[in-house]
N, C-alpha and C. Protein backbone atom coordinates (compact mmCIF):
# COMPACT_ATOMS: atom_id res chain seq x y z
N MET A 1 5.36 14.94 -9.92
CA MET A 1 4.91 15.64 -8.76
C MET A 1 6.15 15.45 -7.78
N SER A 2 6.28 16.74 -7.21
CA SER A 2 7.39 16.71 -6.33
C SER A 2 6.98 16.34 -4.75
N THR A 3 7.86 15.99 -3.95
CA THR A 3 7.45 15.35 -2.76
C THR A 3 6.63 16.22 -1.87
N LEU A 4 6.88 17.66 -1.95
CA LEU A 4 6.11 18.52 -1.13
C LEU A 4 4.69 18.59 -1.69
N GLN A 5 4.33 18.36 -2.91
CA GLN A 5 3.06 18.17 -3.55
C GLN A 5 2.38 16.77 -3.13
N ARG A 6 3.13 16.10 -2.90
CA ARG A 6 2.71 14.68 -2.58
C ARG A 6 2.12 14.57 -1.22
N ILE A 7 3.04 15.30 -0.36
CA ILE A 7 2.57 15.55 1.16
C ILE A 7 1.42 16.50 1.21
N ALA A 8 1.35 17.74 0.47
CA ALA A 8 0.15 18.37 0.44
C ALA A 8 -0.96 17.59 0.07
N LEU A 9 -0.85 16.78 -1.00
CA LEU A 9 -2.15 16.13 -1.49
C LEU A 9 -2.61 15.04 -0.50
N LEU A 10 -1.43 14.46 0.42
CA LEU A 10 -2.07 13.53 1.38
C LEU A 10 -2.72 14.14 2.69
N LEU A 11 -2.14 15.32 2.84
CA LEU A 11 -2.78 16.13 3.66
C LEU A 11 -4.44 16.60 3.41
N THR A 12 -4.33 17.08 2.14
CA THR A 12 -5.65 17.49 1.81
C THR A 12 -6.60 16.29 1.79
N ILE A 13 -6.22 15.46 1.40
CA ILE A 13 -6.94 14.18 1.28
C ILE A 13 -7.67 13.72 2.84
N ILE A 14 -6.52 13.71 3.80
CA ILE A 14 -7.15 13.80 5.14
C ILE A 14 -7.91 14.58 5.68
N GLY A 15 -7.94 15.91 5.21
CA GLY A 15 -8.79 16.98 5.39
C GLY A 15 -10.04 16.65 4.93
N ALA A 16 -10.21 16.14 3.64
CA ALA A 16 -11.47 15.78 3.02
C ALA A 16 -12.19 14.74 3.55
N ILE A 17 -11.35 13.87 4.22
CA ILE A 17 -12.08 12.68 4.84
C ILE A 17 -12.58 13.17 6.34
N ASN A 18 -11.83 14.09 6.94
CA ASN A 18 -12.43 14.71 8.39
C ASN A 18 -13.48 15.55 7.83
N TRP A 19 -13.61 16.38 6.97
CA TRP A 19 -14.83 17.07 6.47
C TRP A 19 -16.00 16.15 6.12
N GLY A 20 -15.72 15.09 5.53
CA GLY A 20 -16.70 14.04 5.20
C GLY A 20 -17.39 13.55 6.45
N LEU A 21 -16.62 13.07 7.51
CA LEU A 21 -17.14 12.77 8.80
C LEU A 21 -17.82 13.70 9.68
N ILE A 22 -17.46 14.91 9.47
CA ILE A 22 -18.22 16.01 10.02
C ILE A 22 -19.53 15.99 9.46
N GLY A 23 -19.46 16.29 8.29
CA GLY A 23 -20.84 16.31 7.47
C GLY A 23 -21.53 15.40 7.59
N PHE A 24 -21.36 13.94 7.41
CA PHE A 24 -22.27 12.81 7.60
C PHE A 24 -22.64 12.39 9.05
N PHE A 25 -21.65 12.43 9.79
CA PHE A 25 -21.76 12.02 11.14
C PHE A 25 -21.62 12.89 12.47
N GLN A 26 -21.15 14.33 12.11
CA GLN A 26 -20.98 15.11 13.05
C GLN A 26 -19.87 14.92 13.89
N PHE A 27 -18.79 14.07 13.59
CA PHE A 27 -17.60 13.55 14.21
C PHE A 27 -16.61 14.37 13.46
N ASP A 28 -15.59 15.05 14.37
CA ASP A 28 -14.34 15.58 13.99
C ASP A 28 -13.29 14.60 14.58
N LEU A 29 -12.78 13.97 13.50
CA LEU A 29 -11.67 12.86 13.79
C LEU A 29 -10.49 13.57 14.40
N VAL A 30 -10.13 14.82 13.92
CA VAL A 30 -8.85 15.51 14.35
C VAL A 30 -9.03 15.79 15.65
N ALA A 31 -10.02 16.37 15.83
CA ALA A 31 -10.31 17.06 17.25
C ALA A 31 -10.43 15.72 18.34
N ALA A 32 -11.06 14.58 17.91
CA ALA A 32 -11.14 13.35 18.66
C ALA A 32 -9.56 12.81 19.23
N ILE A 33 -8.84 12.82 17.96
CA ILE A 33 -7.40 12.09 18.36
C ILE A 33 -6.63 13.20 19.15
N PHE A 34 -6.67 14.47 18.69
CA PHE A 34 -5.70 15.41 19.29
C PHE A 34 -6.22 16.45 20.37
N GLY A 35 -7.43 16.07 21.01
CA GLY A 35 -7.85 16.61 22.12
C GLY A 35 -8.63 17.88 22.03
N GLY A 36 -9.50 17.78 21.29
CA GLY A 36 -10.51 19.02 20.75
C GLY A 36 -10.19 20.06 19.87
N GLN A 37 -10.90 20.78 19.53
CA GLN A 37 -10.79 21.85 18.41
C GLN A 37 -9.83 22.79 18.85
N ASP A 38 -9.89 23.00 20.05
CA ASP A 38 -8.96 24.21 20.76
C ASP A 38 -7.51 23.84 21.19
N SER A 39 -7.33 22.58 21.28
CA SER A 39 -5.95 22.15 21.27
C SER A 39 -4.95 22.68 20.31
N TRP A 40 -3.86 23.12 20.79
CA TRP A 40 -2.72 23.46 20.00
C TRP A 40 -2.29 22.46 19.17
N LEU A 41 -2.53 21.22 19.37
CA LEU A 41 -1.79 20.34 18.26
C LEU A 41 -3.15 20.04 17.14
N SER A 42 -4.26 20.15 17.56
CA SER A 42 -5.34 20.06 16.45
C SER A 42 -5.27 21.40 15.64
N ARG A 43 -5.07 22.60 16.25
CA ARG A 43 -5.03 23.69 15.32
C ARG A 43 -3.83 23.64 14.49
N ILE A 44 -2.71 22.98 14.81
CA ILE A 44 -1.42 22.86 13.86
C ILE A 44 -1.88 21.95 12.74
N ILE A 45 -2.72 20.86 13.10
CA ILE A 45 -3.08 20.05 11.86
C ILE A 45 -4.13 20.53 11.13
N TYR A 46 -5.07 21.31 11.47
CA TYR A 46 -6.02 22.30 10.72
C TYR A 46 -5.27 23.09 9.85
N SER A 47 -4.19 23.88 10.35
CA SER A 47 -3.40 24.88 9.75
C SER A 47 -2.59 24.09 8.39
N LEU A 48 -2.02 23.03 8.75
CA LEU A 48 -1.22 22.20 7.84
C LEU A 48 -2.12 21.79 6.72
N VAL A 49 -3.13 21.25 6.97
CA VAL A 49 -4.49 21.03 6.09
C VAL A 49 -4.73 22.12 5.09
N GLY A 50 -4.89 23.12 5.81
CA GLY A 50 -5.22 24.48 5.08
C GLY A 50 -4.10 24.82 4.09
N ILE A 51 -2.76 24.78 4.69
CA ILE A 51 -1.58 25.17 3.60
C ILE A 51 -1.50 24.39 2.69
N ALA A 52 -1.76 23.17 2.85
CA ALA A 52 -1.74 21.87 1.88
C ALA A 52 -2.68 22.13 0.60
N GLY A 53 -4.12 22.46 0.99
CA GLY A 53 -5.06 23.02 0.01
C GLY A 53 -4.58 23.98 -0.79
N LEU A 54 -3.82 24.94 -0.20
CA LEU A 54 -3.34 26.06 -1.18
C LEU A 54 -2.23 25.84 -2.00
N ILE A 55 -1.32 24.83 -1.57
CA ILE A 55 -0.32 24.17 -2.42
C ILE A 55 -0.88 23.35 -3.49
N ASN A 56 -2.05 22.71 -3.28
CA ASN A 56 -2.82 22.03 -4.27
C ASN A 56 -3.31 22.89 -5.38
N LEU A 57 -3.79 23.79 -4.72
CA LEU A 57 -4.35 24.84 -5.42
C LEU A 57 -3.74 25.37 -6.81
N ALA A 58 -2.25 25.10 -6.80
CA ALA A 58 -1.68 25.49 -7.93
C ALA A 58 -1.80 24.53 -8.99
N LEU A 59 -1.98 23.26 -8.51
CA LEU A 59 -2.09 22.19 -9.38
C LEU A 59 -3.32 22.31 -10.58
N LEU A 60 -4.31 23.20 -10.23
CA LEU A 60 -5.08 23.41 -11.07
C LEU A 60 -5.03 24.14 -12.24
N PHE A 61 -3.79 25.13 -12.24
CA PHE A 61 -3.57 26.09 -13.18
C PHE A 61 -2.12 25.63 -13.77
N ARG A 62 -1.63 24.26 -13.62
CA ARG A 62 -0.49 23.79 -14.16
C ARG A 62 -0.96 23.22 -15.55
N PRO A 63 -0.13 23.40 -16.79
CA PRO A 63 -0.22 22.63 -17.82
C PRO A 63 -0.40 21.19 -17.83
N ALA A 64 -0.99 20.58 -18.46
CA ALA A 64 -1.15 18.98 -18.43
C ALA A 64 0.32 18.42 -18.81
N GLU A 65 1.26 19.02 -19.50
CA GLU A 65 2.42 18.59 -19.78
C GLU A 65 3.31 18.35 -18.75
N GLU A 66 3.39 19.31 -17.71
CA GLU A 66 3.94 19.62 -16.38
C GLU A 66 3.51 18.20 -15.44
N LEU A 67 2.40 18.10 -15.54
CA LEU A 67 1.66 17.04 -14.68
C LEU A 67 2.07 15.72 -14.99
N GLY A 68 2.63 15.36 -16.32
CA GLY A 68 3.08 14.27 -16.79
C GLY A 68 1.96 13.42 -17.54
N ARG A 69 0.83 14.16 -17.79
CA ARG A 69 -0.40 13.57 -18.75
C ARG A 69 -0.21 14.16 -20.19
N THR A 70 -0.23 13.34 -21.05
CA THR A 70 -0.16 13.80 -22.24
C THR A 70 -1.72 13.48 -23.14
N GLU A 71 -1.97 14.18 -23.67
CA GLU A 71 -3.68 14.01 -24.52
C GLU A 71 -3.15 12.98 -25.80
N PRO A 72 -4.09 11.95 -25.95
CA PRO A 72 -3.67 11.25 -27.36
C PRO A 72 -4.02 12.34 -28.71
N LYS A 73 -3.03 12.25 -29.58
CA LYS A 73 -2.98 13.06 -30.56
C LYS A 73 -4.11 12.63 -31.76
N ALA A 74 -5.00 13.24 -32.18
CA ALA A 74 -6.07 12.89 -33.07
C ALA A 74 -5.03 12.59 -34.63
N SER A 75 -5.38 11.70 -35.08
CA SER A 75 -4.79 11.55 -36.53
C SER A 75 -5.94 11.99 -37.47
N ARG A 76 -5.20 12.57 -38.55
CA ARG A 76 -5.97 12.96 -39.70
C ARG A 76 -5.97 11.95 -41.05
N THR A 77 -6.61 10.86 -40.73
CA THR A 77 -6.54 10.01 -41.81
C THR A 77 -8.16 9.59 -42.34
């Protein structure tokens, strides 16, 4: 996994935690930290999380061999 993909995964996790907080507690952590949903800094964070999600979307279609996972081979005995 490349450094860009790791950063994208971290941002996606942050976004998922933020959405969980919104869903369970109606609390937007990004807006609380960076000055509301309309502040330019919050909008940058939201945009970066969205781009990170698109980058991670490519992981769904990548073969397992490229991800470093190998399936155990079934023996015919």
